[in-house]
Amino acid sequence: MKEMLAHLELLRVQMAECERLQQAARSQLKRDVYARALTRYKAIARELERAIACLPDFKPLRRPEIT
């Protein structure tokens, strides 16, 4: 699980870098490339979060919200 959490953190760093590069890009082509990469990183992060939540030893870092 530690490896999965480390990879999730790496994905979050990569997502932040894609957002930064997308905003700094001067050409539309580069902005589009970073936007597509960001979309893929987000999808992978969501999938990894779901997998981590299904692990038997998973303990949420925060309490679930009460509705």
Protein backbone atom coordinates (compact mmCIF):
# COMPACT_ATOMS: atom_id res chain seq x y z
CA MET A 1 0.00 0.00 0.00
CA LYS A 2 2.89 2.38 0.70
CA GLU A 3 3.98 2.07 -2.92
CA MET A 4 0.47 2.87 -4.11
CA LEU A 5 0.27 5.94 -1.89
CA ALA A 6 3.70 7.08 -3.10
CA HIS A 7 2.60 6.65 -6.70
CA LEU A 8 -0.58 8.59 -6.00
CA GLU A 9 1.49 11.44 -4.59
CA LEU A 10 3.71 11.36 -7.68
CA LEU A 11 0.62 11.59 -9.89
CA ARG A 12 -0.57 14.63 -7.94
CA VAL A 13 2.81 16.31 -8.45
CA GLN A 14 2.65 15.52 -12.16
CA MET A 15 -0.89 16.92 -12.36
CA ALA A 16 0.23 20.17 -10.74
CA GLU A 17 3.16 20.40 -13.15
CA CYS A 18 0.88 19.81 -16.15
CA GLU A 19 -1.45 22.57 -14.94
CA ARG A 20 1.50 24.94 -14.53
CA LEU A 21 2.92 24.11 -17.94
CA GLN A 22 -0.50 24.38 -19.56
CA GLN A 23 -0.97 27.88 -18.19
CA ALA A 24 2.55 28.93 -19.21
CA ALA A 25 2.38 27.46 -22.72
CA ARG A 26 2.39 30.00 -25.50
CA SER A 27 0.97 27.83 -28.24
CA GLN A 28 -2.43 26.24 -28.37
CA LEU A 29 -0.84 22.95 -29.40
CA LYS A 30 1.20 22.81 -26.18
CA ARG A 31 -1.80 23.82 -24.06
CA ASP A 32 -3.82 21.01 -25.65
CA VAL A 33 -1.06 18.46 -25.05
CA TYR A 34 -0.79 19.38 -21.37
CA ALA A 35 -4.58 19.37 -21.01
CA ARG A 36 -4.77 15.83 -22.42
CA ALA A 37 -1.93 14.66 -20.17
CA LEU A 38 -3.67 16.23 -17.18
CA THR A 39 -6.92 14.45 -18.03
CA ARG A 40 -5.11 11.12 -18.19
CA TYR A 41 -3.23 11.70 -14.93
CA LYS A 42 -6.51 12.57 -13.20
CA ALA A 43 -8.16 9.39 -14.49
CA ILE A 44 -5.24 7.26 -13.31
CA ALA A 45 -5.26 8.99 -9.90
CA ARG A 46 -9.01 8.34 -9.48
CA GLU A 47 -8.52 4.69 -10.39
CA LEU A 48 -5.63 4.35 -7.95
CA GLU A 49 -7.63 6.07 -5.18
CA ARG A 50 -10.47 3.58 -5.73
CA ALA A 51 -8.06 0.65 -5.61
CA ILE A 52 -6.48 1.93 -2.39
CA ALA A 53 -9.90 2.37 -0.80
CA CYS A 54 -10.70 -1.30 -1.53
CA LEU A 55 -7.62 -2.61 0.25
CA PRO A 56 -8.39 -4.46 3.50
CA ASP A 57 -5.86 -2.44 5.52
CA PHE A 58 -7.02 0.96 4.22
CA LYS A 59 -7.77 3.57 6.85
CA PRO A 60 -9.07 6.93 5.60
CA LEU A 61 -6.86 9.88 6.45
CA ARG A 62 -9.90 11.94 7.36
CA ARG A 63 -13.29 11.17 8.77
CA PRO A 64 -16.05 10.73 6.21
CA GLU A 65 -18.53 13.56 6.08
CA ILE A 66 -21.81 12.93 7.81
CA THR A 67 -24.82 13.79 5.67
